[in-house]
Amino acid sequence: MIRGKQFILLALSILILAVICSCQTPAGRTAGVVIDDASITTQVKTKLFKDKILTGLAISVSTFEGEVTLIGAVKTLEIKQHATEVAGSVAGVREVKNLLKIR
């Protein structure tokens, strides 16, 4: 009887491990990577909002595998460059794609 319970426990453990290991998004990213990207996005948005030069500007931020993309409009090239620097200063950011337009 004990061996039967041990076998069932082992089989259940293997099944749970298989399910956990196969959890990926359609893009092949694990839940951990998605959470890391969401955390980076939040941190970048917070820094942009708190920055004296950038506060109040409508800048959209998205992150994919540590690559941050900025979209929106700013008044000068200096502000655009400053946004790149602020976004790049966040831990975990591998690259910043600055698609901000100058009005």
N, C-alpha and C. Protein backbone atom coordinates (compact mmCIF):
# COMPACT_ATOMS: atom_id res chain seq x y z
N MET A 1 0.82 -1.20 0.00
CA MET A 1 0.00 0.00 0.00
C MET A 1 0.86 1.25 0.00
N ILE A 2 1.96 1.23 0.77
CA ILE A 2 2.84 2.40 0.83
C ILE A 2 3.48 2.66 -0.52
N ARG A 3 3.88 1.60 -1.21
CA ARG A 3 4.49 1.78 -2.52
C ARG A 3 3.52 2.41 -3.51
N GLY A 4 2.27 2.07 -3.42
CA GLY A 4 1.26 2.65 -4.29
C GLY A 4 1.10 4.14 -4.04
N LYS A 5 1.12 4.56 -2.78
CA LYS A 5 1.03 5.97 -2.44
C LYS A 5 2.27 6.73 -2.89
N GLN A 6 3.44 6.09 -2.73
CA GLN A 6 4.68 6.72 -3.18
C GLN A 6 4.69 6.90 -4.69
N PHE A 7 4.19 5.89 -5.41
CA PHE A 7 4.13 5.98 -6.86
C PHE A 7 3.19 7.11 -7.30
N ILE A 8 2.05 7.22 -6.66
CA ILE A 8 1.09 8.27 -6.99
C ILE A 8 1.70 9.65 -6.69
N LEU A 9 2.37 9.77 -5.56
CA LEU A 9 3.02 11.03 -5.19
C LEU A 9 4.11 11.40 -6.19
N LEU A 10 4.92 10.42 -6.60
CA LEU A 10 5.98 10.67 -7.58
C LEU A 10 5.38 11.08 -8.93
N ALA A 11 4.34 10.39 -9.37
CA ALA A 11 3.70 10.71 -10.65
C ALA A 11 3.10 12.10 -10.62
N LEU A 12 2.45 12.44 -9.51
CA LEU A 12 1.86 13.77 -9.36
C LEU A 12 2.93 14.85 -9.36
N SER A 13 4.04 14.60 -8.69
CA SER A 13 5.15 15.57 -8.65
C SER A 13 5.72 15.81 -10.04
N ILE A 14 5.90 14.74 -10.79
CA ILE A 14 6.42 14.86 -12.16
C ILE A 14 5.45 15.64 -13.04
N LEU A 15 4.17 15.39 -12.89
CA LEU A 15 3.16 16.11 -13.67
C LEU A 15 3.17 17.60 -13.35
N ILE A 16 3.23 17.94 -12.08
CA ILE A 16 3.26 19.35 -11.67
C ILE A 16 4.51 20.03 -12.20
N LEU A 17 5.67 19.36 -12.11
CA LEU A 17 6.92 19.92 -12.62
C LEU A 17 6.85 20.14 -14.13
N ALA A 18 6.25 19.19 -14.85
CA ALA A 18 6.12 19.33 -16.31
C ALA A 18 5.23 20.52 -16.68
N VAL A 19 4.15 20.71 -15.95
CA VAL A 19 3.24 21.83 -16.22
C VAL A 19 3.94 23.15 -15.95
N ILE A 20 4.65 23.25 -14.84
CA ILE A 20 5.35 24.49 -14.50
C ILE A 20 6.42 24.83 -15.53
N CYS A 21 7.17 23.83 -15.96
CA CYS A 21 8.26 24.07 -16.92
C CYS A 21 7.75 24.45 -18.31
N SER A 22 6.53 24.05 -18.62
CA SER A 22 6.00 24.34 -19.96
C SER A 22 5.22 25.65 -20.03
N CYS A 23 5.17 26.40 -18.95
CA CYS A 23 4.43 27.66 -18.93
C CYS A 23 5.22 28.74 -19.66
N GLN A 24 4.82 29.05 -20.87
CA GLN A 24 5.44 30.10 -21.66
C GLN A 24 4.37 30.85 -22.42
N THR A 25 4.71 32.09 -22.79
CA THR A 25 3.80 32.88 -23.60
C THR A 25 3.90 32.42 -25.05
N PRO A 26 3.00 32.87 -25.92
CA PRO A 26 3.11 32.50 -27.33
C PRO A 26 4.44 32.92 -27.96
N ALA A 27 5.07 33.95 -27.39
CA ALA A 27 6.36 34.39 -27.92
C ALA A 27 7.51 33.58 -27.34
N GLY A 28 7.20 32.57 -26.52
CA GLY A 28 8.23 31.72 -25.96
C GLY A 28 8.88 32.27 -24.71
N ARG A 29 8.29 33.30 -24.11
CA ARG A 29 8.86 33.90 -22.91
C ARG A 29 8.25 33.26 -21.68
N THR A 30 9.05 33.09 -20.66
CA THR A 30 8.55 32.52 -19.42
C THR A 30 7.83 33.60 -18.61
N ALA A 31 7.11 33.17 -17.60
CA ALA A 31 6.39 34.11 -16.74
C ALA A 31 7.38 35.05 -16.05
N GLY A 32 8.54 34.54 -15.69
CA GLY A 32 9.55 35.38 -15.03
C GLY A 32 10.02 36.52 -15.91
N VAL A 33 10.23 36.25 -17.19
CA VAL A 33 10.67 37.29 -18.12
C VAL A 33 9.57 38.33 -18.30
N VAL A 34 8.34 37.89 -18.40
CA VAL A 34 7.21 38.82 -18.55
C VAL A 34 7.11 39.72 -17.32
N ILE A 35 7.26 39.14 -16.14
CA ILE A 35 7.20 39.93 -14.91
C ILE A 35 8.36 40.90 -14.85
N ASP A 36 9.56 40.47 -15.25
CA ASP A 36 10.71 41.38 -15.27
C ASP A 36 10.46 42.56 -16.20
N ASP A 37 9.92 42.29 -17.38
CA ASP A 37 9.63 43.37 -18.33
C ASP A 37 8.58 44.33 -17.77
N ALA A 38 7.57 43.79 -17.12
CA ALA A 38 6.53 44.64 -16.53
C ALA A 38 7.13 45.51 -15.42
N SER A 39 8.04 44.95 -14.66
CA SER A 39 8.71 45.71 -13.59
C SER A 39 9.57 46.82 -14.18
N ILE A 40 10.30 46.52 -15.24
CA ILE A 40 11.13 47.53 -15.90
C ILE A 40 10.24 48.65 -16.44
N THR A 41 9.14 48.31 -17.09
CA THR A 41 8.22 49.31 -17.64
C THR A 41 7.72 50.23 -16.53
N THR A 42 7.32 49.64 -15.42
CA THR A 42 6.82 50.43 -14.29
C THR A 42 7.90 51.37 -13.75
N GLN A 43 9.11 50.86 -13.61
CA GLN A 43 10.20 51.68 -13.09
C GLN A 43 10.54 52.83 -14.04
N VAL A 44 10.55 52.56 -15.35
CA VAL A 44 10.84 53.61 -16.34
C VAL A 44 9.75 54.67 -16.30
N LYS A 45 8.48 54.25 -16.29
CA LYS A 45 7.38 55.21 -16.23
C LYS A 45 7.47 56.08 -14.98
N THR A 46 7.81 55.47 -13.86
CA THR A 46 7.94 56.21 -12.61
C THR A 46 9.05 57.25 -12.70
N LYS A 47 10.20 56.85 -13.25
CA LYS A 47 11.32 57.79 -13.38
C LYS A 47 10.98 58.93 -14.34
N LEU A 48 10.31 58.62 -15.43
CA LEU A 48 9.92 59.66 -16.38
C LEU A 48 8.95 60.64 -15.73
N PHE A 49 8.00 60.10 -14.97
CA PHE A 49 7.00 60.94 -14.31
C PHE A 49 7.63 61.84 -13.25
N LYS A 50 8.59 61.32 -12.51
CA LYS A 50 9.22 62.08 -11.43
C LYS A 50 10.28 63.07 -11.92
N ASP A 51 10.73 62.91 -13.16
CA ASP A 51 11.76 63.79 -13.71
C ASP A 51 11.19 65.18 -13.96
N LYS A 52 11.89 66.21 -13.51
CA LYS A 52 11.40 67.59 -13.63
C LYS A 52 11.23 68.02 -15.08
N ILE A 53 12.08 67.54 -15.95
CA ILE A 53 12.00 67.92 -17.36
C ILE A 53 10.90 67.17 -18.10
N LEU A 54 10.68 65.91 -17.73
CA LEU A 54 9.78 65.04 -18.49
C LEU A 54 8.38 64.91 -17.90
N THR A 55 8.18 65.38 -16.68
CA THR A 55 6.87 65.22 -16.06
C THR A 55 5.79 65.96 -16.87
N GLY A 56 4.66 65.32 -17.00
CA GLY A 56 3.55 65.93 -17.74
C GLY A 56 3.54 65.61 -19.23
N LEU A 57 4.60 64.97 -19.73
CA LEU A 57 4.64 64.61 -21.14
C LEU A 57 4.00 63.24 -21.34
N ALA A 58 3.31 63.08 -22.45
CA ALA A 58 2.66 61.80 -22.75
C ALA A 58 3.66 60.90 -23.47
N ILE A 59 4.38 60.11 -22.69
CA ILE A 59 5.37 59.20 -23.25
C ILE A 59 4.92 57.77 -22.92
N SER A 60 4.71 56.99 -23.96
CA SER A 60 4.32 55.60 -23.80
C SER A 60 5.58 54.75 -23.66
N VAL A 61 5.55 53.79 -22.74
CA VAL A 61 6.70 52.93 -22.48
C VAL A 61 6.28 51.48 -22.62
N SER A 62 7.05 50.71 -23.38
CA SER A 62 6.84 49.27 -23.43
C SER A 62 8.20 48.58 -23.36
N THR A 63 8.19 47.36 -22.85
CA THR A 63 9.44 46.62 -22.67
C THR A 63 9.27 45.20 -23.18
N PHE A 64 10.26 44.73 -23.92
CA PHE A 64 10.28 43.35 -24.40
C PHE A 64 11.69 42.82 -24.23
N GLU A 65 11.85 41.84 -23.34
CA GLU A 65 13.14 41.22 -23.06
C GLU A 65 14.21 42.26 -22.71
N GLY A 66 13.84 43.23 -21.89
CA GLY A 66 14.79 44.24 -21.43
C GLY A 66 15.01 45.40 -22.38
N GLU A 67 14.37 45.37 -23.53
CA GLU A 67 14.49 46.44 -24.52
C GLU A 67 13.29 47.38 -24.37
N VAL A 68 13.58 48.62 -23.98
CA VAL A 68 12.53 49.60 -23.71
C VAL A 68 12.28 50.44 -24.96
N THR A 69 11.01 50.65 -25.29
CA THR A 69 10.63 51.49 -26.42
C THR A 69 9.83 52.68 -25.89
N LEU A 70 10.25 53.88 -26.27
CA LEU A 70 9.57 55.11 -25.89
C LEU A 70 8.84 55.66 -27.11
N ILE A 71 7.56 55.99 -26.95
CA ILE A 71 6.76 56.55 -28.04
C ILE A 71 6.01 57.76 -27.52
N GLY A 72 5.95 58.81 -28.31
CA GLY A 72 5.24 60.02 -27.94
C GLY A 72 5.83 61.21 -28.67
N ALA A 73 5.61 62.39 -28.11
CA ALA A 73 6.11 63.62 -28.72
C ALA A 73 6.70 64.52 -27.65
N VAL A 74 7.81 65.18 -28.01
CA VAL A 74 8.47 66.13 -27.12
C VAL A 74 8.79 67.39 -27.92
N LYS A 75 9.20 68.46 -27.21
CA LYS A 75 9.43 69.73 -27.88
C LYS A 75 10.82 69.88 -28.49
N THR A 76 11.82 69.28 -27.87
CA THR A 76 13.19 69.50 -28.35
C THR A 76 13.98 68.19 -28.41
N LEU A 77 15.07 68.22 -29.15
CA LEU A 77 15.98 67.08 -29.25
C LEU A 77 16.62 66.80 -27.89
N GLU A 78 16.90 67.84 -27.13
CA GLU A 78 17.51 67.67 -25.81
C GLU A 78 16.58 66.88 -24.87
N ILE A 79 15.30 67.18 -24.93
CA ILE A 79 14.34 66.45 -24.10
C ILE A 79 14.26 64.99 -24.55
N LYS A 80 14.30 64.77 -25.84
CA LYS A 80 14.28 63.41 -26.37
C LYS A 80 15.49 62.62 -25.87
N GLN A 81 16.66 63.22 -25.93
CA GLN A 81 17.87 62.56 -25.46
C GLN A 81 17.83 62.33 -23.95
N HIS A 82 17.29 63.28 -23.23
CA HIS A 82 17.16 63.16 -21.78
C HIS A 82 16.26 61.97 -21.42
N ALA A 83 15.19 61.77 -22.17
CA ALA A 83 14.29 60.64 -21.93
C ALA A 83 15.02 59.31 -22.13
N THR A 84 15.89 59.25 -23.12
CA THR A 84 16.69 58.04 -23.35
C THR A 84 17.60 57.77 -22.17
N GLU A 85 18.23 58.81 -21.66
CA GLU A 85 19.14 58.66 -20.51
C GLU A 85 18.38 58.19 -19.27
N VAL A 86 17.22 58.78 -19.02
CA VAL A 86 16.42 58.41 -17.85
C VAL A 86 15.99 56.94 -17.95
N ALA A 87 15.48 56.55 -19.11
CA ALA A 87 15.03 55.16 -19.30
C ALA A 87 16.21 54.19 -19.18
N GLY A 88 17.34 54.55 -19.72
CA GLY A 88 18.52 53.68 -19.68
C GLY A 88 19.11 53.52 -18.30
N SER A 89 18.76 54.40 -17.39
CA SER A 89 19.31 54.34 -16.03
C SER A 89 18.62 53.32 -15.14
N VAL A 90 17.55 52.72 -15.63
CA VAL A 90 16.80 51.73 -14.84
C VAL A 90 17.51 50.38 -14.93
N ALA A 91 17.64 49.72 -13.80
CA ALA A 91 18.28 48.41 -13.75
C ALA A 91 17.50 47.41 -14.60
N GLY A 92 18.21 46.63 -15.41
CA GLY A 92 17.58 45.62 -16.25
C GLY A 92 17.35 46.06 -17.68
N VAL A 93 17.49 47.35 -17.95
CA VAL A 93 17.29 47.86 -19.32
C VAL A 93 18.55 47.53 -20.14
N ARG A 94 18.37 46.76 -21.20
CA ARG A 94 19.49 46.40 -22.08
C ARG A 94 19.68 47.45 -23.17
N GLU A 95 18.57 48.01 -23.65
CA GLU A 95 18.63 48.96 -24.76
C GLU A 95 17.39 49.84 -24.71
N VAL A 96 17.52 51.06 -25.22
CA VAL A 96 16.38 51.97 -25.30
C VAL A 96 16.18 52.34 -26.76
N LYS A 97 14.98 52.07 -27.28
CA LYS A 97 14.60 52.52 -28.62
C LYS A 97 13.75 53.76 -28.43
N ASN A 98 14.30 54.89 -28.80
CA ASN A 98 13.60 56.15 -28.61
C ASN A 98 12.90 56.53 -29.91
N LEU A 99 11.60 56.34 -29.94
CA LEU A 99 10.79 56.68 -31.12
C LEU A 99 10.01 58.00 -30.89
N LEU A 100 10.47 58.78 -29.93
CA LEU A 100 9.81 60.07 -29.64
C LEU A 100 9.96 61.01 -30.83
N LYS A 101 8.89 61.67 -31.17
CA LYS A 101 8.89 62.66 -32.26
C LYS A 101 9.08 64.05 -31.67
N ILE A 102 9.76 64.89 -32.42
CA ILE A 102 9.94 66.29 -32.01
C ILE A 102 8.89 67.12 -32.73
N ARG A 103 8.09 67.86 -31.93
CA ARG A 103 7.02 68.68 -32.53
C ARG A 103 7.56 70.03 -32.89
